[in-house]
Amino acid sequence: MLLSDIDIAKRLVHPNPRKRLVVTPIISAEEQMGPSSLDVRLSTDFQRLENMNLSHIALGKQLPEKEETYTKRVIFGSEREFLSFIPESSS
């Protein structure tokens, strides 16, 4: 489902909690709202999954390798912006 900016705004304040879209904190709705998107800020400190040869990761189970072999800690200062995207498959 693709929501327009108007639909997103309506969902942010929807009276029915089951239909409400919850995003916190919204720092500046005017700056964060796009034509069919809402930009969010994750953090300046997170783990990035590295490319690996595992078919899946079972959450809650111990992995055979140490976490450092398949993740990388990334820390950005507040003055830098970071954009990540996953390119569409060419198949």
N, C-alpha and C. Protein backbone atom coordinates (compact mmCIF):
# COMPACT_ATOMS: atom_id res chain seq x y z
N MET A 1 0.85 -1.17 0.00
CA MET A 1 0.00 0.00 0.00
C MET A 1 0.89 1.23 0.00
N LEU A 2 0.56 2.17 -0.86
CA LEU A 2 1.29 3.42 -0.94
C LEU A 2 0.36 4.53 -0.44
N LEU A 3 0.82 5.29 0.53
CA LEU A 3 0.02 6.38 1.08
C LEU A 3 0.55 7.71 0.59
N SER A 4 -0.36 8.63 0.30
CA SER A 4 0.04 9.99 -0.07
C SER A 4 0.40 10.75 1.20
N ASP A 5 0.96 11.93 1.04
CA ASP A 5 1.29 12.75 2.21
C ASP A 5 0.04 13.07 3.03
N ILE A 6 -1.08 13.27 2.36
CA ILE A 6 -2.34 13.56 3.07
C ILE A 6 -2.78 12.33 3.85
N ASP A 7 -2.69 11.14 3.22
CA ASP A 7 -3.06 9.91 3.92
C ASP A 7 -2.15 9.65 5.12
N ILE A 8 -0.86 9.91 4.95
CA ILE A 8 0.09 9.72 6.06
C ILE A 8 -0.28 10.66 7.21
N ALA A 9 -0.55 11.92 6.91
CA ALA A 9 -0.92 12.90 7.94
C ALA A 9 -2.19 12.46 8.66
N LYS A 10 -3.18 11.98 7.91
CA LYS A 10 -4.43 11.51 8.54
C LYS A 10 -4.17 10.32 9.46
N ARG A 11 -3.29 9.40 9.02
CA ARG A 11 -2.99 8.22 9.83
C ARG A 11 -2.22 8.58 11.11
N LEU A 12 -1.42 9.65 11.06
CA LEU A 12 -0.66 10.05 12.24
C LEU A 12 -1.58 10.51 13.38
N VAL A 13 -2.77 11.00 13.04
CA VAL A 13 -3.70 11.50 14.07
C VAL A 13 -5.01 10.73 14.08
N HIS A 14 -5.05 9.56 13.45
CA HIS A 14 -6.28 8.78 13.35
C HIS A 14 -6.81 8.43 14.74
N PRO A 15 -8.12 8.57 14.98
CA PRO A 15 -8.67 8.28 16.31
C PRO A 15 -8.65 6.78 16.66
N ASN A 16 -8.65 5.92 15.65
CA ASN A 16 -8.62 4.48 15.90
C ASN A 16 -7.17 4.03 16.05
N PRO A 17 -6.76 3.56 17.23
CA PRO A 17 -5.37 3.16 17.44
C PRO A 17 -4.90 2.05 16.50
N ARG A 18 -5.81 1.23 16.00
CA ARG A 18 -5.45 0.14 15.10
C ARG A 18 -5.10 0.65 13.70
N LYS A 19 -5.58 1.84 13.36
CA LYS A 19 -5.30 2.43 12.05
C LYS A 19 -4.27 3.55 12.12
N ARG A 20 -3.92 3.96 13.33
CA ARG A 20 -3.00 5.08 13.52
C ARG A 20 -1.56 4.66 13.19
N LEU A 21 -0.85 5.54 12.53
CA LEU A 21 0.56 5.39 12.25
C LEU A 21 1.31 6.14 13.35
N VAL A 22 2.18 5.45 14.07
CA VAL A 22 2.91 6.07 15.17
C VAL A 22 4.37 6.23 14.80
N VAL A 23 4.84 7.46 14.78
CA VAL A 23 6.23 7.79 14.49
C VAL A 23 6.66 8.80 15.54
N THR A 24 7.68 8.45 16.32
CA THR A 24 8.18 9.38 17.33
C THR A 24 9.70 9.38 17.33
N PRO A 25 10.33 10.47 17.51
CA PRO A 25 9.73 11.80 17.54
C PRO A 25 9.59 12.35 16.12
N ILE A 26 8.58 13.14 15.90
CA ILE A 26 8.48 13.92 14.67
C ILE A 26 9.04 15.28 15.03
N ILE A 27 10.18 15.60 14.46
CA ILE A 27 10.88 16.83 14.82
C ILE A 27 10.30 18.01 14.06
N SER A 28 10.09 17.84 12.76
CA SER A 28 9.50 18.88 11.94
C SER A 28 8.70 18.20 10.83
N ALA A 29 7.40 18.08 11.03
CA ALA A 29 6.55 17.40 10.05
C ALA A 29 6.66 18.05 8.67
N GLU A 30 6.78 19.35 8.64
CA GLU A 30 6.90 20.06 7.36
C GLU A 30 8.15 19.64 6.61
N GLU A 31 9.26 19.47 7.30
CA GLU A 31 10.52 19.07 6.67
C GLU A 31 10.58 17.57 6.40
N GLN A 32 9.95 16.76 7.24
CA GLN A 32 10.05 15.31 7.13
C GLN A 32 9.05 14.72 6.13
N MET A 33 7.96 15.41 5.83
CA MET A 33 6.91 14.88 4.97
C MET A 33 7.27 15.06 3.51
N GLY A 34 7.18 13.96 2.74
CA GLY A 34 7.40 14.00 1.31
C GLY A 34 6.09 13.69 0.60
N PRO A 35 6.08 13.62 -0.73
CA PRO A 35 4.84 13.37 -1.48
C PRO A 35 4.17 12.05 -1.11
N SER A 36 4.95 11.03 -0.79
CA SER A 36 4.38 9.76 -0.34
C SER A 36 5.34 9.09 0.64
N SER A 37 5.94 9.91 1.50
CA SER A 37 6.91 9.38 2.46
C SER A 37 6.98 10.27 3.70
N LEU A 38 7.56 9.71 4.73
CA LEU A 38 7.85 10.45 5.95
C LEU A 38 9.27 10.08 6.34
N ASP A 39 10.18 11.04 6.26
CA ASP A 39 11.57 10.78 6.61
C ASP A 39 11.68 10.60 8.12
N VAL A 40 12.44 9.60 8.53
CA VAL A 40 12.64 9.34 9.95
C VAL A 40 14.12 9.39 10.27
N ARG A 41 14.42 9.62 11.51
CA ARG A 41 15.80 9.64 11.98
C ARG A 41 15.99 8.45 12.90
N LEU A 42 16.94 7.60 12.56
CA LEU A 42 17.14 6.38 13.31
C LEU A 42 17.98 6.61 14.56
N SER A 43 19.18 7.03 14.36
CA SER A 43 20.12 7.25 15.45
C SER A 43 21.45 7.61 14.83
N THR A 44 22.42 7.89 15.64
CA THR A 44 23.77 8.10 15.13
C THR A 44 24.63 6.87 15.39
N ASP A 45 24.06 5.84 16.06
CA ASP A 45 24.80 4.66 16.45
C ASP A 45 23.94 3.43 16.12
N PHE A 46 24.39 2.60 15.16
CA PHE A 46 23.62 1.42 14.83
C PHE A 46 24.52 0.33 14.27
N GLN A 47 23.99 -0.87 14.13
CA GLN A 47 24.70 -2.01 13.57
C GLN A 47 24.26 -2.21 12.12
N ARG A 48 25.20 -2.34 11.22
CA ARG A 48 24.91 -2.59 9.81
C ARG A 48 25.25 -4.04 9.50
N LEU A 49 24.34 -4.74 8.86
CA LEU A 49 24.55 -6.12 8.49
C LEU A 49 25.49 -6.20 7.28
N GLU A 50 26.55 -6.97 7.40
CA GLU A 50 27.50 -7.14 6.32
C GLU A 50 27.03 -8.25 5.39
N ASN A 51 27.56 -8.28 4.15
CA ASN A 51 27.29 -9.40 3.25
C ASN A 51 27.84 -10.67 3.87
N MET A 52 27.07 -11.75 3.78
CA MET A 52 27.52 -13.00 4.37
C MET A 52 26.93 -14.18 3.61
N ASN A 53 27.42 -15.34 3.88
CA ASN A 53 26.98 -16.55 3.19
C ASN A 53 26.01 -17.39 4.02
N LEU A 54 25.18 -16.75 4.81
CA LEU A 54 24.17 -17.47 5.58
C LEU A 54 22.85 -17.36 4.84
N SER A 55 22.11 -18.45 4.78
CA SER A 55 20.83 -18.42 4.10
C SER A 55 19.77 -17.71 4.92
N HIS A 56 19.93 -17.68 6.24
CA HIS A 56 18.97 -17.00 7.12
C HIS A 56 19.60 -16.80 8.49
N ILE A 57 18.98 -15.97 9.27
CA ILE A 57 19.40 -15.75 10.65
C ILE A 57 18.20 -16.06 11.53
N ALA A 58 18.34 -17.00 12.43
CA ALA A 58 17.26 -17.34 13.36
C ALA A 58 17.40 -16.45 14.59
N LEU A 59 16.47 -15.53 14.73
CA LEU A 59 16.53 -14.61 15.87
C LEU A 59 16.36 -15.39 17.18
N GLY A 60 17.11 -15.01 18.18
CA GLY A 60 17.00 -15.67 19.48
C GLY A 60 17.89 -16.89 19.61
N LYS A 61 18.56 -17.30 18.53
CA LYS A 61 19.46 -18.44 18.60
C LYS A 61 20.89 -17.95 18.43
N GLN A 62 21.80 -18.68 19.02
CA GLN A 62 23.21 -18.32 18.95
C GLN A 62 23.75 -18.59 17.55
N LEU A 63 24.40 -17.61 16.95
CA LEU A 63 25.02 -17.80 15.64
C LEU A 63 26.39 -18.44 15.82
N PRO A 64 26.84 -19.19 14.82
CA PRO A 64 28.13 -19.87 14.96
C PRO A 64 29.32 -18.93 15.06
N GLU A 65 29.23 -17.75 14.44
CA GLU A 65 30.33 -16.79 14.49
C GLU A 65 30.02 -15.69 15.49
N LYS A 66 31.05 -14.94 15.83
CA LYS A 66 30.84 -13.77 16.68
C LYS A 66 30.11 -12.70 15.89
N GLU A 67 29.38 -11.88 16.59
CA GLU A 67 28.59 -10.83 15.95
C GLU A 67 29.43 -9.93 15.05
N GLU A 68 30.67 -9.68 15.42
CA GLU A 68 31.54 -8.79 14.65
C GLU A 68 31.83 -9.31 13.25
N THR A 69 31.64 -10.62 13.00
CA THR A 69 31.93 -11.17 11.68
C THR A 69 30.83 -10.88 10.68
N TYR A 70 29.62 -10.56 11.13
CA TYR A 70 28.53 -10.30 10.18
C TYR A 70 27.87 -8.94 10.38
N THR A 71 28.32 -8.17 11.34
CA THR A 71 27.81 -6.80 11.51
C THR A 71 28.98 -5.84 11.67
N LYS A 72 28.68 -4.59 11.41
CA LYS A 72 29.67 -3.54 11.61
C LYS A 72 28.97 -2.40 12.35
N ARG A 73 29.57 -1.94 13.42
CA ARG A 73 29.01 -0.80 14.16
C ARG A 73 29.34 0.47 13.40
N VAL A 74 28.32 1.29 13.18
CA VAL A 74 28.48 2.54 12.45
C VAL A 74 28.03 3.68 13.37
N ILE A 75 28.88 4.66 13.54
CA ILE A 75 28.54 5.82 14.37
C ILE A 75 28.77 7.07 13.54
N PHE A 76 27.74 7.91 13.46
CA PHE A 76 27.84 9.18 12.73
C PHE A 76 27.68 10.31 13.72
N GLY A 77 28.39 11.40 13.46
CA GLY A 77 28.19 12.60 14.26
C GLY A 77 26.90 13.28 13.84
N SER A 78 26.38 14.13 14.66
CA SER A 78 25.11 14.80 14.37
C SER A 78 25.20 15.74 13.17
N GLU A 79 26.41 16.10 12.74
CA GLU A 79 26.55 17.03 11.62
C GLU A 79 26.53 16.32 10.27
N ARG A 80 26.51 14.97 10.24
CA ARG A 80 26.53 14.23 8.98
C ARG A 80 25.19 13.58 8.69
N GLU A 81 24.87 13.48 7.42
CA GLU A 81 23.66 12.78 7.00
C GLU A 81 24.06 11.46 6.38
N PHE A 82 23.21 10.46 6.53
CA PHE A 82 23.47 9.15 5.99
C PHE A 82 22.22 8.66 5.28
N LEU A 83 22.38 8.22 4.04
CA LEU A 83 21.26 7.70 3.27
C LEU A 83 21.61 6.30 2.81
N SER A 84 20.72 5.37 3.07
CA SER A 84 20.94 4.00 2.65
C SER A 84 19.77 3.55 1.81
N PHE A 85 20.04 2.80 0.76
CA PHE A 85 18.95 2.27 -0.05
C PHE A 85 19.36 0.89 -0.57
N ILE A 86 18.37 0.11 -0.93
CA ILE A 86 18.59 -1.20 -1.50
C ILE A 86 18.18 -1.13 -2.95
N PRO A 87 19.11 -1.28 -3.90
CA PRO A 87 18.74 -1.18 -5.30
C PRO A 87 17.80 -2.31 -5.68
N GLU A 88 16.89 -2.01 -6.61
CA GLU A 88 15.95 -3.02 -7.07
C GLU A 88 16.68 -4.10 -7.85
N SER A 89 16.16 -5.30 -7.77
CA SER A 89 16.74 -6.43 -8.48
C SER A 89 16.61 -6.21 -9.99
N SER A 90 17.62 -6.62 -10.73
CA SER A 90 17.60 -6.44 -12.18
C SER A 90 16.99 -7.65 -12.88
N SER A 91 16.39 -8.56 -12.15
CA SER A 91 15.79 -9.75 -12.78
C SER A 91 14.41 -9.51 -13.31
